[in-house]
Amino acid sequence: PGYGDTIDGYRAALAERPLPDVIISEAMSSNSKYAAPDGGCHDFIEVQNISGAPVSLKGYTLSDKRSEPARYTFGDVVLESGGCYLVYCSDKTNLGKNHAPFKLSADGETVYLSKGDTCTDVLSIPGDLGKNESYGRSGKDLTYFPTPTPGKANGQGAQTGLAAPAASHPSGVYKKAVTVSLTGDGTIYYTTDGTRPTTYSPVYTAP
């Protein structure tokens, strides 16, 4: 409220919003590259102390459901100023105290950081986040990170992702052959069986 319904208006609103001492600084919803201490490549949520003094995480909780804020409870971990703490969203609590009993959806997910009955921070992870990319904060800006930095201060990122490619025909099943053209920015990967394309899928070069 009070700002234009544009990207610039959104950024202006973020710039005016004070951030809490502990924020959700980075999250990854499709990880096959960055291994946890147990050897698994799990989704993760990173929290960071951005205040100028040490902060105890005791009493803080993390969740992927606003109605159930305490799905994961932090222990008595003290974060120094600028320090980061990783919570692995493995859905396997037997792997350690920093494993949450839920996973993150690659189609988009909102995660909530709370202290007691108060929600202190929220991060909405976009559904267009690529495999082994992360999303989070660079200052007050919300940013895509092609090179994630789990457990460390965030590096350089991009504030917007590329728009999805457009196809000359709607998706569906065709009984006869059709010629399909694809348009969009960057490298376009495609499939013809309805599965989600990855960087291992064929690269579009011509109709």
N, C-alpha and C. Protein backbone atom coordinates (compact mmCIF):
# COMPACT_ATOMS: atom_id res chain seq x y z
N PRO A 1 0.82 -1.20 0.00
CA PRO A 1 0.00 0.00 0.00
C PRO A 1 0.87 1.26 0.00
N GLY A 2 0.46 2.22 -0.84
CA GLY A 2 1.19 3.48 -0.89
C GLY A 2 2.28 3.53 -1.93
N TYR A 3 2.49 2.44 -2.66
CA TYR A 3 3.51 2.39 -3.71
C TYR A 3 2.88 1.90 -5.00
N GLY A 4 3.52 2.23 -6.13
CA GLY A 4 3.01 1.79 -7.41
C GLY A 4 3.09 0.28 -7.56
N ASP A 5 2.15 -0.29 -8.31
CA ASP A 5 2.12 -1.73 -8.52
C ASP A 5 3.09 -2.12 -9.63
N THR A 6 4.36 -1.84 -9.39
CA THR A 6 5.41 -2.12 -10.36
C THR A 6 6.61 -2.69 -9.62
N ILE A 7 7.60 -3.17 -10.38
CA ILE A 7 8.84 -3.65 -9.76
C ILE A 7 9.50 -2.54 -8.96
N ASP A 8 9.53 -1.31 -9.52
CA ASP A 8 10.14 -0.19 -8.81
C ASP A 8 9.37 0.13 -7.52
N GLY A 9 8.05 0.05 -7.59
CA GLY A 9 7.24 0.29 -6.40
C GLY A 9 7.48 -0.77 -5.33
N TYR A 10 7.64 -2.02 -5.78
CA TYR A 10 7.91 -3.13 -4.86
C TYR A 10 9.26 -2.93 -4.16
N ARG A 11 10.27 -2.54 -4.94
CA ARG A 11 11.60 -2.33 -4.36
C ARG A 11 11.61 -1.14 -3.40
N ALA A 12 10.83 -0.10 -3.75
CA ALA A 12 10.74 1.06 -2.85
C ALA A 12 10.09 0.66 -1.53
N ALA A 13 9.07 -0.19 -1.59
CA ALA A 13 8.42 -0.66 -0.37
C ALA A 13 9.38 -1.49 0.48
N LEU A 14 10.17 -2.36 -0.17
CA LEU A 14 11.15 -3.16 0.56
C LEU A 14 12.19 -2.28 1.23
N ALA A 15 12.61 -1.23 0.53
CA ALA A 15 13.64 -0.35 1.06
C ALA A 15 13.16 0.36 2.33
N GLU A 16 11.86 0.61 2.45
CA GLU A 16 11.31 1.29 3.61
C GLU A 16 11.05 0.34 4.78
N ARG A 17 11.01 -0.95 4.49
CA ARG A 17 10.65 -1.93 5.52
C ARG A 17 11.87 -2.29 6.37
N PRO A 18 11.81 -2.11 7.69
CA PRO A 18 12.94 -2.50 8.53
C PRO A 18 13.05 -4.02 8.61
N LEU A 19 14.25 -4.54 8.57
CA LEU A 19 14.46 -5.97 8.68
C LEU A 19 14.73 -6.35 10.13
N PRO A 20 14.32 -7.55 10.55
CA PRO A 20 14.60 -7.99 11.92
C PRO A 20 16.07 -8.34 12.10
N ASP A 21 16.48 -8.61 13.33
CA ASP A 21 17.87 -8.98 13.60
C ASP A 21 18.27 -10.27 12.89
N VAL A 22 17.35 -11.22 12.84
CA VAL A 22 17.60 -12.50 12.19
C VAL A 22 16.66 -12.64 11.01
N ILE A 23 17.22 -12.89 9.84
CA ILE A 23 16.42 -12.97 8.61
C ILE A 23 16.59 -14.34 7.95
N ILE A 24 15.65 -14.67 7.08
CA ILE A 24 15.83 -15.79 6.16
C ILE A 24 16.64 -15.22 5.00
N SER A 25 17.90 -15.59 4.92
CA SER A 25 18.79 -14.95 3.96
C SER A 25 18.92 -15.68 2.63
N GLU A 26 18.66 -16.99 2.62
CA GLU A 26 18.85 -17.75 1.38
C GLU A 26 18.09 -19.07 1.48
N ALA A 27 17.59 -19.56 0.36
CA ALA A 27 16.90 -20.84 0.34
C ALA A 27 17.10 -21.51 -1.01
N MET A 28 17.15 -22.82 -1.01
CA MET A 28 17.28 -23.60 -2.25
C MET A 28 16.23 -24.70 -2.25
N SER A 29 15.48 -24.81 -3.34
CA SER A 29 14.37 -25.77 -3.41
C SER A 29 14.63 -26.93 -4.37
N SER A 30 15.78 -26.96 -5.02
CA SER A 30 16.11 -28.07 -5.93
C SER A 30 17.62 -28.24 -5.96
N ASN A 31 18.12 -29.05 -5.02
CA ASN A 31 19.56 -29.18 -4.80
C ASN A 31 20.05 -30.57 -5.18
N SER A 32 20.99 -30.63 -6.09
CA SER A 32 21.64 -31.91 -6.41
C SER A 32 23.16 -31.75 -6.43
N LYS A 33 23.66 -30.65 -5.89
CA LYS A 33 25.08 -30.33 -6.00
C LYS A 33 25.75 -30.02 -4.66
N TYR A 34 25.04 -29.40 -3.74
CA TYR A 34 25.64 -28.92 -2.49
C TYR A 34 25.31 -29.89 -1.36
N ALA A 35 26.32 -30.68 -0.95
CA ALA A 35 26.10 -31.76 0.02
C ALA A 35 26.11 -31.26 1.46
N ALA A 36 25.24 -31.83 2.26
CA ALA A 36 25.21 -31.59 3.70
C ALA A 36 26.26 -32.48 4.37
N PRO A 37 26.53 -32.27 5.66
CA PRO A 37 27.50 -33.12 6.36
C PRO A 37 27.18 -34.61 6.30
N ASP A 38 25.90 -34.98 6.18
CA ASP A 38 25.54 -36.40 6.09
C ASP A 38 25.77 -36.97 4.69
N GLY A 39 26.18 -36.12 3.74
CA GLY A 39 26.45 -36.57 2.38
C GLY A 39 25.31 -36.38 1.41
N GLY A 40 24.11 -36.09 1.90
CA GLY A 40 22.95 -35.90 1.03
C GLY A 40 22.86 -34.49 0.51
N CYS A 41 22.26 -34.34 -0.64
CA CYS A 41 22.02 -33.01 -1.24
C CYS A 41 20.58 -32.62 -0.96
N HIS A 42 20.36 -31.93 0.12
CA HIS A 42 19.01 -31.57 0.57
C HIS A 42 18.70 -30.11 0.24
N ASP A 43 17.40 -29.81 0.12
CA ASP A 43 16.97 -28.42 0.09
C ASP A 43 17.43 -27.76 1.39
N PHE A 44 17.59 -26.46 1.39
CA PHE A 44 18.00 -25.83 2.63
C PHE A 44 17.41 -24.43 2.76
N ILE A 45 17.36 -23.97 4.01
CA ILE A 45 17.01 -22.60 4.36
C ILE A 45 18.15 -22.07 5.23
N GLU A 46 18.61 -20.89 4.90
CA GLU A 46 19.68 -20.27 5.67
C GLU A 46 19.14 -19.05 6.41
N VAL A 47 19.45 -18.95 7.70
CA VAL A 47 19.11 -17.75 8.46
C VAL A 47 20.41 -17.03 8.81
N GLN A 48 20.33 -15.71 8.93
CA GLN A 48 21.52 -14.91 9.18
C GLN A 48 21.24 -13.83 10.22
N ASN A 49 22.20 -13.60 11.08
CA ASN A 49 22.13 -12.51 12.06
C ASN A 49 22.71 -11.26 11.40
N ILE A 50 21.85 -10.29 11.11
CA ILE A 50 22.32 -9.06 10.46
C ILE A 50 22.44 -7.91 11.45
N SER A 51 22.31 -8.21 12.74
CA SER A 51 22.47 -7.16 13.75
C SER A 51 23.95 -6.98 14.06
N GLY A 52 24.25 -6.06 14.91
CA GLY A 52 25.64 -5.80 15.26
C GLY A 52 26.11 -6.52 16.50
N ALA A 53 25.30 -7.47 17.01
CA ALA A 53 25.65 -8.18 18.24
C ALA A 53 25.25 -9.64 18.13
N PRO A 54 25.82 -10.53 18.95
CA PRO A 54 25.42 -11.93 18.92
C PRO A 54 23.94 -12.10 19.25
N VAL A 55 23.30 -13.10 18.63
CA VAL A 55 21.88 -13.38 18.86
C VAL A 55 21.71 -14.88 19.08
N SER A 56 20.97 -15.26 20.11
CA SER A 56 20.64 -16.67 20.32
C SER A 56 19.40 -17.02 19.52
N LEU A 57 19.44 -18.18 18.86
CA LEU A 57 18.29 -18.64 18.09
C LEU A 57 17.29 -19.41 18.95
N LYS A 58 17.57 -19.56 20.23
CA LYS A 58 16.63 -20.26 21.11
C LYS A 58 15.31 -19.52 21.14
N GLY A 59 14.23 -20.22 20.90
CA GLY A 59 12.91 -19.60 20.85
C GLY A 59 12.43 -19.32 19.45
N TYR A 60 13.33 -19.39 18.46
CA TYR A 60 12.94 -19.20 17.07
C TYR A 60 12.45 -20.52 16.46
N THR A 61 11.53 -20.41 15.52
CA THR A 61 11.03 -21.58 14.80
C THR A 61 10.97 -21.28 13.32
N LEU A 62 10.87 -22.35 12.54
CA LEU A 62 10.86 -22.24 11.07
C LEU A 62 9.79 -23.18 10.54
N SER A 63 9.10 -22.76 9.47
CA SER A 63 8.04 -23.60 8.93
C SER A 63 7.76 -23.26 7.48
N ASP A 64 7.16 -24.21 6.78
CA ASP A 64 6.64 -23.97 5.44
C ASP A 64 5.12 -23.81 5.47
N LYS A 65 4.56 -23.73 6.68
CA LYS A 65 3.11 -23.55 6.83
C LYS A 65 2.86 -22.43 7.84
N ARG A 66 2.16 -21.40 7.42
CA ARG A 66 1.88 -20.27 8.31
C ARG A 66 1.04 -20.71 9.50
N SER A 67 0.18 -21.71 9.30
CA SER A 67 -0.69 -22.17 10.38
C SER A 67 0.03 -23.08 11.38
N GLU A 68 1.24 -23.55 11.02
CA GLU A 68 2.03 -24.40 11.92
C GLU A 68 3.44 -23.82 12.03
N PRO A 69 3.61 -22.72 12.74
CA PRO A 69 4.89 -22.01 12.73
C PRO A 69 6.05 -22.78 13.35
N ALA A 70 5.76 -23.76 14.20
CA ALA A 70 6.83 -24.45 14.94
C ALA A 70 7.13 -25.83 14.38
N ARG A 71 7.11 -25.98 13.07
CA ARG A 71 7.44 -27.29 12.50
C ARG A 71 8.91 -27.64 12.76
N TYR A 72 9.76 -26.62 12.80
CA TYR A 72 11.16 -26.82 13.17
C TYR A 72 11.52 -25.83 14.26
N THR A 73 12.17 -26.30 15.33
CA THR A 73 12.57 -25.43 16.44
C THR A 73 14.09 -25.38 16.53
N PHE A 74 14.64 -24.19 16.57
CA PHE A 74 16.07 -24.02 16.70
C PHE A 74 16.52 -24.35 18.13
N GLY A 75 17.73 -24.87 18.26
CA GLY A 75 18.31 -25.08 19.57
C GLY A 75 18.94 -23.80 20.08
N ASP A 76 19.69 -23.91 21.16
CA ASP A 76 20.33 -22.73 21.75
C ASP A 76 21.62 -22.45 21.01
N VAL A 77 21.47 -22.04 19.74
CA VAL A 77 22.60 -21.70 18.88
C VAL A 77 22.80 -20.19 18.92
N VAL A 78 24.02 -19.76 19.15
CA VAL A 78 24.32 -18.33 19.17
C VAL A 78 25.00 -17.95 17.86
N LEU A 79 24.41 -17.03 17.15
CA LEU A 79 24.97 -16.53 15.90
C LEU A 79 25.69 -15.22 16.16
N GLU A 80 26.95 -15.16 15.80
CA GLU A 80 27.68 -13.91 15.88
C GLU A 80 27.14 -12.93 14.82
N SER A 81 27.47 -11.68 14.95
CA SER A 81 27.04 -10.69 13.97
C SER A 81 27.50 -11.10 12.57
N GLY A 82 26.56 -11.21 11.64
CA GLY A 82 26.87 -11.63 10.27
C GLY A 82 26.88 -13.13 10.08
N GLY A 83 26.75 -13.88 11.17
CA GLY A 83 26.82 -15.34 11.08
C GLY A 83 25.59 -15.96 10.45
N CYS A 84 25.78 -17.14 9.83
CA CYS A 84 24.71 -17.86 9.14
C CYS A 84 24.52 -19.24 9.75
N TYR A 85 23.30 -19.76 9.66
CA TYR A 85 22.99 -21.10 10.14
C TYR A 85 22.10 -21.78 9.11
N LEU A 86 22.47 -23.01 8.75
CA LEU A 86 21.72 -23.75 7.73
C LEU A 86 20.77 -24.75 8.37
N VAL A 87 19.55 -24.78 7.84
CA VAL A 87 18.58 -25.81 8.20
C VAL A 87 18.30 -26.60 6.93
N TYR A 88 18.58 -27.91 6.95
CA TYR A 88 18.37 -28.75 5.79
C TYR A 88 16.93 -29.27 5.78
N CYS A 89 16.24 -29.03 4.68
CA CYS A 89 14.84 -29.44 4.55
C CYS A 89 14.81 -30.83 3.92
N SER A 90 15.18 -31.82 4.73
CA SER A 90 15.33 -33.19 4.25
C SER A 90 14.14 -34.07 4.56
N ASP A 91 13.26 -33.60 5.46
CA ASP A 91 12.13 -34.42 5.93
C ASP A 91 12.63 -35.62 6.72
N LYS A 92 13.87 -35.53 7.25
CA LYS A 92 14.48 -36.64 7.99
C LYS A 92 15.13 -36.07 9.26
N THR A 93 14.40 -36.04 10.35
CA THR A 93 14.92 -35.47 11.58
C THR A 93 15.97 -36.36 12.25
N ASN A 94 16.08 -37.63 11.82
CA ASN A 94 17.07 -38.52 12.42
C ASN A 94 18.49 -38.23 11.92
N LEU A 95 18.65 -37.31 10.97
CA LEU A 95 19.96 -36.99 10.42
C LEU A 95 20.69 -35.91 11.22
N GLY A 96 20.03 -35.30 12.16
CA GLY A 96 20.69 -34.28 12.97
C GLY A 96 19.74 -33.18 13.38
N LYS A 97 20.18 -32.36 14.33
CA LYS A 97 19.32 -31.32 14.89
C LYS A 97 19.07 -30.17 13.92
N ASN A 98 19.87 -30.10 12.83
CA ASN A 98 19.63 -29.02 11.86
C ASN A 98 18.89 -29.53 10.62
N HIS A 99 18.12 -30.62 10.79
CA HIS A 99 17.27 -31.13 9.71
C HIS A 99 15.81 -30.90 10.06
N ALA A 100 15.08 -30.26 9.14
CA ALA A 100 13.67 -29.95 9.36
C ALA A 100 12.79 -31.08 8.83
N PRO A 101 11.61 -31.28 9.42
CA PRO A 101 10.72 -32.37 9.01
C PRO A 101 9.85 -32.01 7.82
N PHE A 102 10.39 -31.23 6.89
CA PHE A 102 9.65 -30.91 5.67
C PHE A 102 10.64 -30.63 4.55
N LYS A 103 10.15 -30.70 3.32
CA LYS A 103 10.94 -30.37 2.14
C LYS A 103 10.39 -29.10 1.51
N LEU A 104 11.12 -28.56 0.55
CA LEU A 104 10.67 -27.37 -0.18
C LEU A 104 10.24 -27.77 -1.58
N SER A 105 9.15 -27.20 -2.06
CA SER A 105 8.64 -27.51 -3.39
C SER A 105 9.38 -26.70 -4.45
N ALA A 106 9.81 -27.38 -5.51
CA ALA A 106 10.46 -26.69 -6.63
C ALA A 106 9.48 -25.84 -7.41
N ASP A 107 8.19 -26.01 -7.17
CA ASP A 107 7.17 -25.22 -7.85
C ASP A 107 6.85 -23.92 -7.12
N GLY A 108 7.60 -23.64 -6.06
CA GLY A 108 7.37 -22.41 -5.29
C GLY A 108 6.93 -22.73 -3.88
N GLU A 109 7.44 -21.99 -2.92
CA GLU A 109 7.19 -22.26 -1.51
C GLU A 109 7.39 -20.99 -0.71
N THR A 110 6.60 -20.80 0.33
CA THR A 110 6.81 -19.70 1.25
C THR A 110 7.24 -20.27 2.59
N VAL A 111 8.30 -19.69 3.17
CA VAL A 111 8.80 -20.16 4.46
C VAL A 111 8.73 -19.03 5.47
N TYR A 112 8.53 -19.40 6.73
CA TYR A 112 8.24 -18.44 7.79
C TYR A 112 9.20 -18.64 8.96
N LEU A 113 9.78 -17.54 9.42
CA LEU A 113 10.61 -17.54 10.61
C LEU A 113 9.83 -16.84 11.72
N SER A 114 9.73 -17.49 12.87
CA SER A 114 8.94 -16.93 13.97
C SER A 114 9.72 -16.98 15.26
N LYS A 115 9.31 -16.13 16.19
CA LYS A 115 9.81 -16.18 17.55
C LYS A 115 8.62 -16.09 18.47
N GLY A 116 8.39 -17.18 19.19
CA GLY A 116 7.17 -17.26 19.99
C GLY A 116 5.96 -17.26 19.07
N ASP A 117 5.00 -16.39 19.35
CA ASP A 117 3.79 -16.31 18.53
C ASP A 117 3.89 -15.29 17.41
N THR A 118 5.07 -14.69 17.24
CA THR A 118 5.23 -13.62 16.25
C THR A 118 6.03 -14.09 15.05
N CYS A 119 5.46 -13.92 13.86
CA CYS A 119 6.19 -14.19 12.63
C CYS A 119 7.12 -13.01 12.38
N THR A 120 8.43 -13.27 12.35
CA THR A 120 9.39 -12.18 12.25
C THR A 120 9.92 -11.96 10.84
N ASP A 121 9.87 -13.00 9.99
CA ASP A 121 10.34 -12.84 8.61
C ASP A 121 9.69 -13.89 7.73
N VAL A 122 9.55 -13.53 6.45
CA VAL A 122 8.91 -14.40 5.45
C VAL A 122 9.74 -14.34 4.18
N LEU A 123 9.91 -15.48 3.52
CA LEU A 123 10.56 -15.51 2.20
C LEU A 123 9.74 -16.39 1.28
N SER A 124 9.30 -15.81 0.16
CA SER A 124 8.56 -16.57 -0.85
C SER A 124 9.52 -17.00 -1.95
N ILE A 125 9.78 -18.29 -2.03
CA ILE A 125 10.71 -18.83 -3.01
C ILE A 125 9.98 -19.01 -4.32
N PRO A 126 10.45 -18.41 -5.42
CA PRO A 126 9.71 -18.47 -6.69
C PRO A 126 9.73 -19.86 -7.32
N GLY A 127 8.72 -20.13 -8.12
CA GLY A 127 8.61 -21.42 -8.79
C GLY A 127 9.48 -21.55 -10.01
N ASP A 128 10.10 -20.44 -10.46
CA ASP A 128 10.97 -20.52 -11.63
C ASP A 128 12.44 -20.63 -11.25
N LEU A 129 12.71 -20.94 -9.99
CA LEU A 129 14.09 -21.11 -9.54
C LEU A 129 14.67 -22.38 -10.15
N GLY A 130 15.84 -22.26 -10.79
CA GLY A 130 16.44 -23.40 -11.46
C GLY A 130 17.09 -24.38 -10.50
N LYS A 131 17.40 -25.57 -11.00
CA LYS A 131 18.10 -26.56 -10.20
C LYS A 131 19.47 -26.01 -9.79
N ASN A 132 19.81 -26.20 -8.52
CA ASN A 132 21.08 -25.76 -7.95
C ASN A 132 21.25 -24.25 -7.96
N GLU A 133 20.15 -23.52 -8.04
CA GLU A 133 20.15 -22.08 -7.82
C GLU A 133 19.46 -21.80 -6.49
N SER A 134 19.75 -20.66 -5.91
CA SER A 134 19.10 -20.29 -4.66
C SER A 134 18.46 -18.92 -4.79
N TYR A 135 17.70 -18.56 -3.77
CA TYR A 135 16.97 -17.29 -3.77
C TYR A 135 17.07 -16.71 -2.37
N GLY A 136 17.22 -15.41 -2.29
CA GLY A 136 17.31 -14.82 -0.96
C GLY A 136 17.54 -13.32 -1.03
N ARG A 137 18.26 -12.81 -0.05
CA ARG A 137 18.42 -11.37 0.08
C ARG A 137 19.85 -10.92 -0.19
N SER A 138 19.93 -9.81 -0.90
CA SER A 138 21.17 -9.07 -1.05
C SER A 138 20.84 -7.68 -0.53
N GLY A 139 21.19 -7.40 0.71
CA GLY A 139 20.67 -6.20 1.36
C GLY A 139 19.17 -6.39 1.57
N LYS A 140 18.38 -5.44 1.10
CA LYS A 140 16.92 -5.58 1.19
C LYS A 140 16.31 -6.10 -0.10
N ASP A 141 17.13 -6.24 -1.13
CA ASP A 141 16.62 -6.75 -2.40
C ASP A 141 16.46 -8.27 -2.35
N LEU A 142 15.43 -8.77 -2.99
CA LEU A 142 15.23 -10.22 -3.15
C LEU A 142 15.88 -10.63 -4.47
N THR A 143 16.70 -11.67 -4.42
CA THR A 143 17.65 -11.93 -5.49
C THR A 143 17.76 -13.41 -5.82
N TYR A 144 17.91 -13.69 -7.13
CA TYR A 144 18.25 -15.04 -7.59
C TYR A 144 19.77 -15.19 -7.53
N PHE A 145 20.25 -16.32 -7.02
CA PHE A 145 21.68 -16.58 -6.93
C PHE A 145 22.05 -17.79 -7.79
N PRO A 146 22.64 -17.57 -8.99
CA PRO A 146 23.08 -18.71 -9.82
C PRO A 146 24.15 -19.54 -9.11
N THR A 147 24.96 -18.90 -8.25
CA THR A 147 25.97 -19.61 -7.47
C THR A 147 25.63 -19.45 -5.99
N PRO A 148 24.97 -20.43 -5.39
CA PRO A 148 24.59 -20.34 -3.99
C PRO A 148 25.81 -20.33 -3.07
N THR A 149 25.61 -19.81 -1.86
CA THR A 149 26.68 -19.76 -0.86
C THR A 149 26.13 -20.26 0.47
N PRO A 150 25.76 -21.54 0.57
CA PRO A 150 25.17 -22.04 1.81
C PRO A 150 26.12 -21.92 2.99
N GLY A 151 25.62 -21.30 4.06
CA GLY A 151 26.41 -21.14 5.26
C GLY A 151 27.32 -19.93 5.26
N LYS A 152 27.30 -19.15 4.19
CA LYS A 152 28.16 -17.98 4.07
C LYS A 152 27.33 -16.78 3.61
N ALA A 153 27.90 -15.59 3.72
CA ALA A 153 27.22 -14.39 3.24
C ALA A 153 26.94 -14.52 1.75
N ASN A 154 25.81 -14.00 1.32
CA ASN A 154 25.40 -14.13 -0.08
C ASN A 154 26.31 -13.37 -1.02
N GLY A 155 26.49 -13.96 -2.22
CA GLY A 155 27.30 -13.31 -3.24
C GLY A 155 26.45 -12.46 -4.16
N GLN A 156 26.92 -12.33 -5.41
CA GLN A 156 26.19 -11.53 -6.40
C GLN A 156 25.04 -12.34 -6.98
N GLY A 157 23.96 -11.66 -7.31
CA GLY A 157 22.81 -12.33 -7.90
C GLY A 157 22.11 -11.43 -8.89
N ALA A 158 20.95 -11.88 -9.35
CA ALA A 158 20.13 -11.12 -10.29
C ALA A 158 18.76 -10.92 -9.65
N GLN A 159 18.18 -9.73 -9.82
CA GLN A 159 16.92 -9.43 -9.15
C GLN A 159 15.71 -10.00 -9.86
N THR A 160 15.86 -10.41 -11.10
CA THR A 160 14.74 -11.02 -11.82
C THR A 160 15.21 -12.26 -12.54
N GLY A 161 14.30 -13.22 -12.68
CA GLY A 161 14.59 -14.39 -13.49
C GLY A 161 14.06 -14.16 -14.90
N LEU A 162 14.52 -14.97 -15.83
CA LEU A 162 14.00 -14.86 -17.20
C LEU A 162 12.57 -15.34 -17.26
N ALA A 163 11.79 -14.71 -18.11
CA ALA A 163 10.41 -15.16 -18.31
C ALA A 163 10.41 -16.52 -19.00
N ALA A 164 9.38 -17.31 -18.74
CA ALA A 164 9.27 -18.61 -19.39
C ALA A 164 9.15 -18.45 -20.90
N PRO A 165 9.74 -19.35 -21.68
CA PRO A 165 9.59 -19.26 -23.15
C PRO A 165 8.13 -19.39 -23.57
N ALA A 166 7.83 -18.85 -24.73
CA ALA A 166 6.48 -18.94 -25.30
C ALA A 166 6.50 -19.92 -26.46
N ALA A 167 5.42 -20.70 -26.58
CA ALA A 167 5.31 -21.69 -27.65
C ALA A 167 4.22 -21.28 -28.63
N SER A 168 4.41 -21.64 -29.89
CA SER A 168 3.43 -21.28 -30.92
C SER A 168 2.16 -22.12 -30.83
N HIS A 169 2.20 -23.23 -30.11
CA HIS A 169 1.03 -24.09 -29.91
C HIS A 169 0.83 -24.32 -28.42
N PRO A 170 -0.40 -24.45 -27.97
CA PRO A 170 -0.64 -24.74 -26.55
C PRO A 170 -0.17 -26.15 -26.21
N SER A 171 0.18 -26.36 -24.94
CA SER A 171 0.59 -27.70 -24.52
C SER A 171 -0.58 -28.66 -24.62
N GLY A 172 -0.28 -29.92 -24.82
CA GLY A 172 -1.33 -30.92 -24.94
C GLY A 172 -0.86 -32.11 -25.77
N VAL A 173 -1.78 -32.99 -26.09
CA VAL A 173 -1.49 -34.18 -26.89
C VAL A 173 -2.05 -33.98 -28.29
N TYR A 174 -1.22 -34.18 -29.30
CA TYR A 174 -1.63 -34.00 -30.70
C TYR A 174 -1.59 -35.33 -31.44
N LYS A 175 -2.64 -35.60 -32.23
CA LYS A 175 -2.72 -36.86 -32.97
C LYS A 175 -1.93 -36.80 -34.27
N LYS A 176 -1.71 -35.59 -34.77
CA LYS A 176 -0.94 -35.43 -36.00
C LYS A 176 0.29 -34.56 -35.70
N ALA A 177 1.28 -34.65 -36.55
CA ALA A 177 2.51 -33.87 -36.37
C ALA A 177 2.21 -32.38 -36.45
N VAL A 178 2.86 -31.61 -35.61
CA VAL A 178 2.75 -30.16 -35.64
C VAL A 178 4.16 -29.57 -35.59
N THR A 179 4.31 -28.38 -36.15
CA THR A 179 5.59 -27.68 -36.10
C THR A 179 5.49 -26.61 -35.03
N VAL A 180 6.35 -26.69 -34.03
CA VAL A 180 6.27 -25.81 -32.87
C VAL A 180 7.47 -24.87 -32.85
N SER A 181 7.20 -23.58 -32.73
CA SER A 181 8.25 -22.58 -32.57
C SER A 181 8.29 -22.12 -31.12
N LEU A 182 9.49 -21.91 -30.60
CA LEU A 182 9.68 -21.43 -29.24
C LEU A 182 10.42 -20.11 -29.27
N THR A 183 10.00 -19.16 -28.46
CA THR A 183 10.68 -17.87 -28.38
C THR A 183 10.93 -17.53 -26.92
N GLY A 184 12.04 -16.84 -26.65
CA GLY A 184 12.36 -16.45 -25.29
C GLY A 184 13.81 -16.04 -25.17
N ASP A 185 14.21 -15.60 -24.00
CA ASP A 185 15.58 -15.17 -23.76
C ASP A 185 16.43 -16.33 -23.25
N GLY A 186 17.70 -16.27 -23.54
CA GLY A 186 18.62 -17.28 -23.04
C GLY A 186 18.50 -18.60 -23.78
N THR A 187 19.09 -19.65 -23.22
CA THR A 187 19.04 -20.99 -23.81
C THR A 187 17.72 -21.65 -23.45
N ILE A 188 17.02 -22.17 -24.44
CA ILE A 188 15.71 -22.80 -24.22
C ILE A 188 15.86 -24.31 -24.32
N TYR A 189 15.47 -25.01 -23.27
CA TYR A 189 15.45 -26.48 -23.25
C TYR A 189 14.00 -26.93 -23.35
N TYR A 190 13.78 -28.08 -23.97
CA TYR A 190 12.40 -28.52 -24.16
C TYR A 190 12.28 -30.04 -24.04
N THR A 191 11.04 -30.50 -23.82
CA THR A 191 10.71 -31.92 -23.89
C THR A 191 9.44 -32.06 -24.71
N THR A 192 9.18 -33.26 -25.17
CA THR A 192 7.96 -33.52 -25.95
C THR A 192 7.05 -34.54 -25.27
N ASP A 193 7.36 -34.88 -24.02
CA ASP A 193 6.53 -35.89 -23.31
C ASP A 193 5.82 -35.32 -22.10
N GLY A 194 5.82 -33.98 -21.96
CA GLY A 194 5.11 -33.36 -20.86
C GLY A 194 5.90 -33.24 -19.57
N THR A 195 7.12 -33.77 -19.51
CA THR A 195 7.93 -33.63 -18.32
C THR A 195 8.59 -32.26 -18.28
N ARG A 196 9.04 -31.85 -17.10
CA ARG A 196 9.66 -30.54 -16.94
C ARG A 196 11.07 -30.57 -17.53
N PRO A 197 11.42 -29.64 -18.42
CA PRO A 197 12.77 -29.63 -19.00
C PRO A 197 13.84 -29.35 -17.96
N THR A 198 15.03 -29.90 -18.19
CA THR A 198 16.20 -29.60 -17.38
C THR A 198 17.33 -29.22 -18.32
N THR A 199 18.49 -28.93 -17.77
CA THR A 199 19.64 -28.59 -18.61
C THR A 199 20.19 -29.80 -19.35
N TYR A 200 19.66 -30.98 -19.07
CA TYR A 200 20.03 -32.18 -19.83
C TYR A 200 19.06 -32.45 -20.98
N SER A 201 17.99 -31.68 -21.08
CA SER A 201 17.01 -31.84 -22.16
C SER A 201 17.57 -31.26 -23.45
N PRO A 202 16.95 -31.59 -24.61
CA PRO A 202 17.40 -31.01 -25.88
C PRO A 202 17.33 -29.49 -25.86
N VAL A 203 18.27 -28.86 -26.56
CA VAL A 203 18.30 -27.40 -26.69
C VAL A 203 17.55 -26.99 -27.95
N TYR A 204 16.65 -26.03 -27.83
CA TYR A 204 15.90 -25.55 -28.99
C TYR A 204 16.80 -24.73 -29.91
N THR A 205 16.77 -25.08 -31.21
CA THR A 205 17.53 -24.32 -32.20
C THR A 205 16.66 -23.84 -33.36
N ALA A 206 15.60 -24.59 -33.65
CA ALA A 206 14.72 -24.24 -34.79
C ALA A 206 13.38 -24.93 -34.60
N PRO A 207 12.32 -24.46 -35.30
CA PRO A 207 11.00 -25.11 -35.17
C PRO A 207 11.06 -26.60 -35.50
